[in-house]
Amino acid sequence: DALAYLAFTATDLYPREEMNFVFGQATLSERDGVWSIHRNGDPAEDDEAFRQCLLRTMKIAGHETGHIVSMPHCVAFHCGMNGVNNRNELDRAPLAFCPVCFRKLCWNLQVDPAEHLQKLAKFCDEQKLTEEAAIFTKQAAALK
């Protein structure tokens, strides 16, 4: 009766021997997924390293959760559903979804878009992810 099954691990993920590592993997049809925090940095190093590791983890978790609720990679916009192949690409990727993917997410999860964005902004603000908090706050205000 679960919407999805999610897991995360500190172990590096290699889905197949011939593949390089992956940050995460999810199925569009089975509603399950896993992601790794192995390449996200050492959160115990200092406060900035913690925030960077948290942000990377949130980006991967959001992306893989998008797949779990049947969303493919976004190729139309700069979006949290874009595919990434290395940490530099992950760091450049936004946490936020583009308007098209965000609408799909809200429909699939049956959440109020403005309320969802406000909660994301609040969490990011509490974690001192000021750039992301500002983006979510601006998006929520645009919906009011």
N, C-alpha and C. Protein backbone atom coordinates (compact mmCIF):
# COMPACT_ATOMS: atom_id res chain seq x y z
N ASP A 1 0.81 -1.20 0.00
CA ASP A 1 0.00 0.00 0.00
C ASP A 1 0.85 1.27 0.00
N ALA A 2 2.15 1.13 -0.19
CA ALA A 2 3.04 2.29 -0.20
C ALA A 2 3.02 2.97 -1.57
N LEU A 3 3.19 4.29 -1.55
CA LEU A 3 3.34 5.02 -2.81
C LEU A 3 4.61 4.57 -3.52
N ALA A 4 5.67 4.38 -2.73
CA ALA A 4 6.96 4.01 -3.31
C ALA A 4 7.84 3.39 -2.24
N TYR A 5 8.86 2.71 -2.70
CA TYR A 5 9.88 2.19 -1.81
C TYR A 5 11.18 2.91 -2.13
N LEU A 6 11.74 3.57 -1.13
CA LEU A 6 12.95 4.36 -1.30
C LEU A 6 14.04 3.83 -0.38
N ALA A 7 15.24 3.87 -0.85
CA ALA A 7 16.38 3.48 -0.02
C ALA A 7 17.56 4.37 -0.36
N PHE A 8 18.40 4.58 0.62
CA PHE A 8 19.66 5.24 0.31
C PHE A 8 20.77 4.53 1.06
N THR A 9 21.97 4.67 0.53
CA THR A 9 23.10 3.93 1.06
C THR A 9 24.35 4.80 0.99
N ALA A 10 25.33 4.46 1.79
CA ALA A 10 26.64 5.11 1.71
C ALA A 10 27.58 4.34 0.77
N THR A 11 27.10 3.24 0.23
CA THR A 11 27.87 2.43 -0.70
C THR A 11 27.75 2.98 -2.11
N ASP A 12 28.85 3.01 -2.83
CA ASP A 12 28.83 3.43 -4.23
C ASP A 12 27.98 2.45 -5.04
N LEU A 13 27.22 2.96 -5.99
CA LEU A 13 26.33 2.13 -6.79
C LEU A 13 26.87 1.90 -8.19
N TYR A 14 26.93 0.65 -8.59
CA TYR A 14 27.33 0.23 -9.93
C TYR A 14 26.28 -0.78 -10.41
N PRO A 15 25.28 -0.34 -11.17
CA PRO A 15 24.20 -1.24 -11.57
C PRO A 15 24.65 -2.43 -12.41
N ARG A 16 25.66 -2.20 -13.23
CA ARG A 16 26.20 -3.27 -14.07
C ARG A 16 27.72 -3.12 -14.11
N GLU A 17 28.40 -4.23 -14.32
CA GLU A 17 29.86 -4.20 -14.33
C GLU A 17 30.43 -3.25 -15.36
N GLU A 18 29.79 -3.15 -16.52
CA GLU A 18 30.31 -2.31 -17.58
C GLU A 18 29.98 -0.83 -17.40
N MET A 19 29.23 -0.51 -16.35
CA MET A 19 28.83 0.88 -16.11
C MET A 19 29.75 1.57 -15.12
N ASN A 20 29.86 2.87 -15.30
CA ASN A 20 30.47 3.71 -14.28
C ASN A 20 29.48 3.81 -13.13
N PHE A 21 29.85 4.46 -12.05
CA PHE A 21 28.94 4.63 -10.92
C PHE A 21 27.68 5.39 -11.33
N VAL A 22 26.65 5.27 -10.53
CA VAL A 22 25.46 6.10 -10.68
C VAL A 22 25.17 6.73 -9.32
N PHE A 23 24.60 7.93 -9.34
CA PHE A 23 24.19 8.58 -8.10
C PHE A 23 22.97 7.89 -7.52
N GLY A 24 22.13 7.39 -8.39
CA GLY A 24 20.92 6.71 -7.95
C GLY A 24 20.29 6.01 -9.13
N GLN A 25 19.30 5.20 -8.81
CA GLN A 25 18.59 4.50 -9.85
C GLN A 25 17.17 4.23 -9.36
N ALA A 26 16.22 4.38 -10.25
CA ALA A 26 14.82 4.14 -9.91
C ALA A 26 14.10 3.58 -11.11
N THR A 27 12.98 2.94 -10.84
CA THR A 27 12.17 2.42 -11.92
C THR A 27 10.94 3.29 -12.10
N LEU A 28 10.55 3.48 -13.33
CA LEU A 28 9.36 4.26 -13.63
C LEU A 28 8.10 3.43 -13.41
N SER A 29 8.20 2.12 -13.46
CA SER A 29 7.00 1.29 -13.38
C SER A 29 6.84 0.57 -12.03
N GLU A 30 7.92 0.25 -11.38
CA GLU A 30 7.83 -0.52 -10.13
C GLU A 30 7.74 0.36 -8.87
N ARG A 31 7.95 1.66 -9.04
CA ARG A 31 7.90 2.62 -7.92
C ARG A 31 8.87 2.26 -6.81
N ASP A 32 10.12 2.01 -7.20
CA ASP A 32 11.16 1.80 -6.21
C ASP A 32 12.44 2.46 -6.70
N GLY A 33 13.29 2.79 -5.76
CA GLY A 33 14.53 3.44 -6.13
C GLY A 33 15.52 3.46 -4.99
N VAL A 34 16.75 3.72 -5.35
CA VAL A 34 17.84 3.80 -4.38
C VAL A 34 18.78 4.90 -4.83
N TRP A 35 19.40 5.58 -3.89
CA TRP A 35 20.44 6.52 -4.23
C TRP A 35 21.56 6.40 -3.22
N SER A 36 22.73 6.85 -3.62
CA SER A 36 23.92 6.74 -2.79
C SER A 36 24.39 8.12 -2.35
N ILE A 37 24.85 8.20 -1.12
CA ILE A 37 25.46 9.44 -0.62
C ILE A 37 26.99 9.35 -0.67
N HIS A 38 27.50 8.26 -1.25
CA HIS A 38 28.93 7.99 -1.26
C HIS A 38 29.76 9.14 -1.85
N ARG A 39 29.30 9.75 -2.90
CA ARG A 39 30.06 10.78 -3.61
C ARG A 39 29.62 12.20 -3.26
N ASN A 40 28.87 12.37 -2.17
CA ASN A 40 28.32 13.68 -1.83
C ASN A 40 29.20 14.50 -0.89
N GLY A 41 30.35 14.01 -0.51
CA GLY A 41 31.24 14.74 0.38
C GLY A 41 31.08 14.29 1.82
N ASP A 42 31.96 14.78 2.68
CA ASP A 42 31.96 14.41 4.09
C ASP A 42 31.19 15.44 4.89
N PRO A 43 29.98 15.12 5.33
CA PRO A 43 29.17 16.11 6.06
C PRO A 43 29.73 16.46 7.43
N ALA A 44 30.65 15.66 7.95
CA ALA A 44 31.22 15.92 9.27
C ALA A 44 32.39 16.91 9.22
N GLU A 45 32.82 17.27 8.02
CA GLU A 45 33.99 18.14 7.85
C GLU A 45 33.77 19.51 8.49
N ASP A 46 32.67 20.17 8.14
CA ASP A 46 32.30 21.47 8.71
C ASP A 46 30.87 21.80 8.27
N ASP A 47 30.36 22.95 8.69
CA ASP A 47 28.97 23.31 8.38
C ASP A 47 28.74 23.44 6.87
N GLU A 48 29.69 24.03 6.16
CA GLU A 48 29.53 24.20 4.71
C GLU A 48 29.52 22.84 4.01
N ALA A 49 30.41 21.94 4.43
CA ALA A 49 30.44 20.60 3.85
C ALA A 49 29.14 19.85 4.13
N PHE A 50 28.58 20.06 5.33
CA PHE A 50 27.29 19.44 5.66
C PHE A 50 26.20 19.94 4.71
N ARG A 51 26.14 21.26 4.52
CA ARG A 51 25.11 21.82 3.63
C ARG A 51 25.29 21.34 2.19
N GLN A 52 26.53 21.26 1.73
CA GLN A 52 26.80 20.79 0.36
C GLN A 52 26.37 19.34 0.21
N CYS A 53 26.69 18.51 1.19
CA CYS A 53 26.29 17.10 1.15
C CYS A 53 24.77 16.98 1.20
N LEU A 54 24.12 17.77 2.04
CA LEU A 54 22.67 17.76 2.13
C LEU A 54 22.03 18.17 0.81
N LEU A 55 22.53 19.23 0.21
CA LEU A 55 21.97 19.70 -1.06
C LEU A 55 22.14 18.65 -2.15
N ARG A 56 23.31 18.06 -2.24
CA ARG A 56 23.53 17.00 -3.24
C ARG A 56 22.58 15.83 -3.00
N THR A 57 22.42 15.45 -1.75
CA THR A 57 21.53 14.35 -1.40
C THR A 57 20.09 14.68 -1.77
N MET A 58 19.67 15.91 -1.49
CA MET A 58 18.31 16.33 -1.84
C MET A 58 18.09 16.32 -3.35
N LYS A 59 19.09 16.75 -4.11
CA LYS A 59 18.96 16.75 -5.57
C LYS A 59 18.78 15.33 -6.09
N ILE A 60 19.59 14.41 -5.60
CA ILE A 60 19.50 13.02 -6.05
C ILE A 60 18.17 12.41 -5.60
N ALA A 61 17.81 12.64 -4.36
CA ALA A 61 16.55 12.08 -3.83
C ALA A 61 15.35 12.61 -4.60
N GLY A 62 15.32 13.90 -4.87
CA GLY A 62 14.21 14.48 -5.63
C GLY A 62 14.15 13.92 -7.04
N HIS A 63 15.30 13.81 -7.67
CA HIS A 63 15.38 13.28 -9.03
C HIS A 63 14.88 11.84 -9.08
N GLU A 64 15.41 11.00 -8.20
CA GLU A 64 15.02 9.59 -8.22
C GLU A 64 13.55 9.42 -7.82
N THR A 65 13.07 10.25 -6.91
CA THR A 65 11.65 10.20 -6.55
C THR A 65 10.80 10.59 -7.74
N GLY A 66 11.25 11.55 -8.53
CA GLY A 66 10.54 11.89 -9.77
C GLY A 66 10.41 10.68 -10.68
N HIS A 67 11.49 9.91 -10.83
CA HIS A 67 11.40 8.69 -11.63
C HIS A 67 10.40 7.71 -11.02
N ILE A 68 10.43 7.58 -9.71
CA ILE A 68 9.55 6.62 -9.04
C ILE A 68 8.09 6.94 -9.29
N VAL A 69 7.76 8.23 -9.43
CA VAL A 69 6.37 8.59 -9.72
C VAL A 69 6.15 8.78 -11.22
N SER A 70 6.95 8.09 -12.00
CA SER A 70 6.80 7.89 -13.45
C SER A 70 7.30 9.04 -14.33
N MET A 71 8.17 9.88 -13.84
CA MET A 71 8.67 10.99 -14.65
C MET A 71 10.00 10.62 -15.30
N PRO A 72 10.11 10.77 -16.62
CA PRO A 72 11.40 10.55 -17.29
C PRO A 72 12.31 11.77 -17.12
N HIS A 73 13.51 11.67 -17.66
CA HIS A 73 14.41 12.83 -17.64
C HIS A 73 13.79 13.98 -18.42
N CYS A 74 13.99 15.18 -17.92
CA CYS A 74 13.53 16.39 -18.59
C CYS A 74 14.61 16.83 -19.58
N VAL A 75 14.22 17.10 -20.79
CA VAL A 75 15.17 17.56 -21.80
C VAL A 75 14.80 18.94 -22.33
N ALA A 76 13.74 19.54 -21.77
CA ALA A 76 13.26 20.81 -22.28
C ALA A 76 13.77 22.01 -21.49
N PHE A 77 14.08 21.83 -20.22
CA PHE A 77 14.45 22.96 -19.35
C PHE A 77 15.61 22.57 -18.44
N HIS A 78 16.20 23.59 -17.80
CA HIS A 78 17.16 23.36 -16.72
C HIS A 78 16.32 22.95 -15.52
N CYS A 79 16.45 21.68 -15.07
CA CYS A 79 15.44 21.09 -14.19
C CYS A 79 16.08 20.03 -13.31
N GLY A 80 15.50 19.83 -12.14
CA GLY A 80 15.95 18.76 -11.26
C GLY A 80 15.77 17.38 -11.85
N MET A 81 15.02 17.26 -12.93
CA MET A 81 14.83 15.97 -13.60
C MET A 81 15.78 15.79 -14.79
N ASN A 82 16.73 16.71 -14.98
CA ASN A 82 17.78 16.49 -15.99
C ASN A 82 18.68 15.36 -15.51
N GLY A 83 19.22 14.60 -16.43
CA GLY A 83 20.18 13.57 -16.06
C GLY A 83 21.52 14.20 -15.71
N VAL A 84 22.24 13.61 -14.77
CA VAL A 84 23.60 14.06 -14.43
C VAL A 84 24.52 12.85 -14.42
N ASN A 85 25.76 13.07 -14.85
CA ASN A 85 26.72 11.97 -14.95
C ASN A 85 27.95 12.13 -14.08
N ASN A 86 28.12 13.27 -13.44
CA ASN A 86 29.27 13.47 -12.58
C ASN A 86 28.94 14.53 -11.53
N ARG A 87 29.81 14.71 -10.57
CA ARG A 87 29.52 15.63 -9.47
C ARG A 87 29.46 17.08 -9.92
N ASN A 88 30.24 17.48 -10.90
CA ASN A 88 30.15 18.85 -11.41
C ASN A 88 28.77 19.12 -12.00
N GLU A 89 28.25 18.16 -12.77
CA GLU A 89 26.90 18.31 -13.31
C GLU A 89 25.86 18.33 -12.19
N LEU A 90 26.05 17.50 -11.18
CA LEU A 90 25.13 17.49 -10.05
C LEU A 90 25.13 18.84 -9.34
N ASP A 91 26.31 19.41 -9.14
CA ASP A 91 26.39 20.70 -8.46
C ASP A 91 25.76 21.83 -9.27
N ARG A 92 25.79 21.73 -10.59
CA ARG A 92 25.17 22.75 -11.44
C ARG A 92 23.66 22.54 -11.59
N ALA A 93 23.20 21.33 -11.32
CA ALA A 93 21.77 21.02 -11.49
C ALA A 93 20.95 21.75 -10.42
N PRO A 94 19.77 22.20 -10.78
CA PRO A 94 18.92 22.84 -9.78
C PRO A 94 18.24 21.80 -8.89
N LEU A 95 17.90 22.21 -7.70
CA LEU A 95 17.06 21.38 -6.83
C LEU A 95 15.62 21.43 -7.32
N ALA A 96 15.21 22.61 -7.77
CA ALA A 96 13.83 22.82 -8.22
C ALA A 96 13.57 22.15 -9.56
N PHE A 97 12.32 21.77 -9.76
CA PHE A 97 11.88 21.22 -11.03
C PHE A 97 11.37 22.37 -11.91
N CYS A 98 11.44 22.17 -13.21
CA CYS A 98 10.86 23.13 -14.15
C CYS A 98 9.34 23.14 -13.99
N PRO A 99 8.64 24.12 -14.55
CA PRO A 99 7.17 24.17 -14.40
C PRO A 99 6.45 22.92 -14.89
N VAL A 100 6.92 22.34 -15.98
CA VAL A 100 6.26 21.15 -16.52
C VAL A 100 6.43 19.96 -15.57
N CYS A 101 7.65 19.71 -15.13
CA CYS A 101 7.90 18.59 -14.23
C CYS A 101 7.27 18.82 -12.86
N PHE A 102 7.28 20.07 -12.40
CA PHE A 102 6.67 20.37 -11.11
C PHE A 102 5.16 20.10 -11.16
N ARG A 103 4.53 20.46 -12.26
CA ARG A 103 3.08 20.18 -12.39
C ARG A 103 2.82 18.67 -12.39
N LYS A 104 3.66 17.92 -13.07
CA LYS A 104 3.51 16.46 -13.08
C LYS A 104 3.66 15.91 -11.66
N LEU A 105 4.66 16.40 -10.94
CA LEU A 105 4.90 15.94 -9.57
C LEU A 105 3.70 16.23 -8.67
N CYS A 106 3.20 17.45 -8.72
CA CYS A 106 2.06 17.83 -7.88
C CYS A 106 0.81 17.03 -8.22
N TRP A 107 0.58 16.80 -9.51
CA TRP A 107 -0.58 16.00 -9.91
C TRP A 107 -0.44 14.59 -9.39
N ASN A 108 0.76 14.01 -9.57
CA ASN A 108 0.99 12.63 -9.19
C ASN A 108 0.86 12.44 -7.68
N LEU A 109 1.38 13.39 -6.90
CA LEU A 109 1.35 13.28 -5.44
C LEU A 109 0.10 13.89 -4.82
N GLN A 110 -0.71 14.57 -5.66
CA GLN A 110 -1.93 15.24 -5.20
C GLN A 110 -1.62 16.23 -4.07
N VAL A 111 -0.63 17.09 -4.32
CA VAL A 111 -0.27 18.13 -3.34
C VAL A 111 -0.61 19.50 -3.91
N ASP A 112 -0.87 20.44 -3.02
CA ASP A 112 -1.10 21.82 -3.41
C ASP A 112 0.25 22.44 -3.77
N PRO A 113 0.41 22.95 -4.99
CA PRO A 113 1.72 23.46 -5.43
C PRO A 113 2.29 24.56 -4.54
N ALA A 114 1.49 25.57 -4.19
CA ALA A 114 2.00 26.68 -3.38
C ALA A 114 2.41 26.19 -2.00
N GLU A 115 1.60 25.36 -1.40
CA GLU A 115 1.91 24.84 -0.06
C GLU A 115 3.18 23.99 -0.09
N HIS A 116 3.31 23.18 -1.13
CA HIS A 116 4.50 22.33 -1.27
C HIS A 116 5.76 23.20 -1.40
N LEU A 117 5.69 24.24 -2.21
CA LEU A 117 6.83 25.14 -2.40
C LEU A 117 7.15 25.88 -1.11
N GLN A 118 6.14 26.28 -0.36
CA GLN A 118 6.37 26.97 0.92
C GLN A 118 7.09 26.04 1.90
N LYS A 119 6.71 24.78 1.93
CA LYS A 119 7.38 23.82 2.82
C LYS A 119 8.83 23.60 2.39
N LEU A 120 9.05 23.52 1.10
CA LEU A 120 10.42 23.38 0.60
C LEU A 120 11.26 24.61 0.97
N ALA A 121 10.67 25.79 0.80
CA ALA A 121 11.38 27.04 1.13
C ALA A 121 11.72 27.08 2.61
N LYS A 122 10.78 26.71 3.45
CA LYS A 122 10.99 26.71 4.90
C LYS A 122 12.11 25.76 5.28
N PHE A 123 12.09 24.54 4.74
CA PHE A 123 13.13 23.57 5.04
C PHE A 123 14.50 24.08 4.58
N CYS A 124 14.57 24.60 3.36
CA CYS A 124 15.84 25.11 2.85
C CYS A 124 16.34 26.28 3.69
N ASP A 125 15.43 27.15 4.11
CA ASP A 125 15.80 28.27 4.95
C ASP A 125 16.36 27.78 6.29
N GLU A 126 15.71 26.80 6.89
CA GLU A 126 16.18 26.23 8.16
C GLU A 126 17.56 25.60 8.03
N GLN A 127 17.85 25.06 6.87
CA GLN A 127 19.14 24.40 6.62
C GLN A 127 20.19 25.37 6.07
N LYS A 128 19.84 26.63 6.00
CA LYS A 128 20.74 27.68 5.49
C LYS A 128 21.12 27.45 4.03
N LEU A 129 20.19 26.89 3.27
CA LEU A 129 20.34 26.77 1.82
C LEU A 129 19.61 27.97 1.22
N THR A 130 20.23 29.13 1.36
CA THR A 130 19.54 30.40 1.09
C THR A 130 19.15 30.57 -0.37
N GLU A 131 19.99 30.16 -1.29
CA GLU A 131 19.68 30.30 -2.71
C GLU A 131 18.45 29.46 -3.08
N GLU A 132 18.42 28.22 -2.61
CA GLU A 132 17.29 27.34 -2.90
C GLU A 132 16.02 27.85 -2.21
N ALA A 133 16.15 28.33 -0.97
CA ALA A 133 14.99 28.87 -0.25
C ALA A 133 14.40 30.05 -1.01
N ALA A 134 15.25 30.91 -1.54
CA ALA A 134 14.78 32.07 -2.29
C ALA A 134 14.04 31.65 -3.56
N ILE A 135 14.54 30.64 -4.24
CA ILE A 135 13.89 30.15 -5.46
C ILE A 135 12.50 29.61 -5.14
N PHE A 136 12.40 28.76 -4.11
CA PHE A 136 11.10 28.19 -3.75
C PHE A 136 10.14 29.26 -3.25
N THR A 137 10.64 30.24 -2.51
CA THR A 137 9.79 31.34 -2.03
C THR A 137 9.24 32.13 -3.20
N LYS A 138 10.09 32.43 -4.17
CA LYS A 138 9.67 33.16 -5.36
C LYS A 138 8.63 32.38 -6.16
N GLN A 139 8.85 31.09 -6.31
CA GLN A 139 7.90 30.26 -7.03
C GLN A 139 6.55 30.21 -6.31
N ALA A 140 6.58 30.05 -4.99
CA ALA A 140 5.33 30.00 -4.21
C ALA A 140 4.57 31.32 -4.33
N ALA A 141 5.30 32.43 -4.28
CA ALA A 141 4.65 33.74 -4.39
C ALA A 141 4.00 33.92 -5.77
N ALA A 142 4.61 33.38 -6.80
CA ALA A 142 4.07 33.49 -8.15
C ALA A 142 2.75 32.74 -8.29
N LEU A 143 2.54 31.74 -7.45
CA LEU A 143 1.32 30.94 -7.53
C LEU A 143 0.16 31.55 -6.74
N LYS A 144 0.47 32.55 -5.92
CA LYS A 144 -0.59 33.15 -5.08
C LYS A 144 -1.29 34.26 -5.81
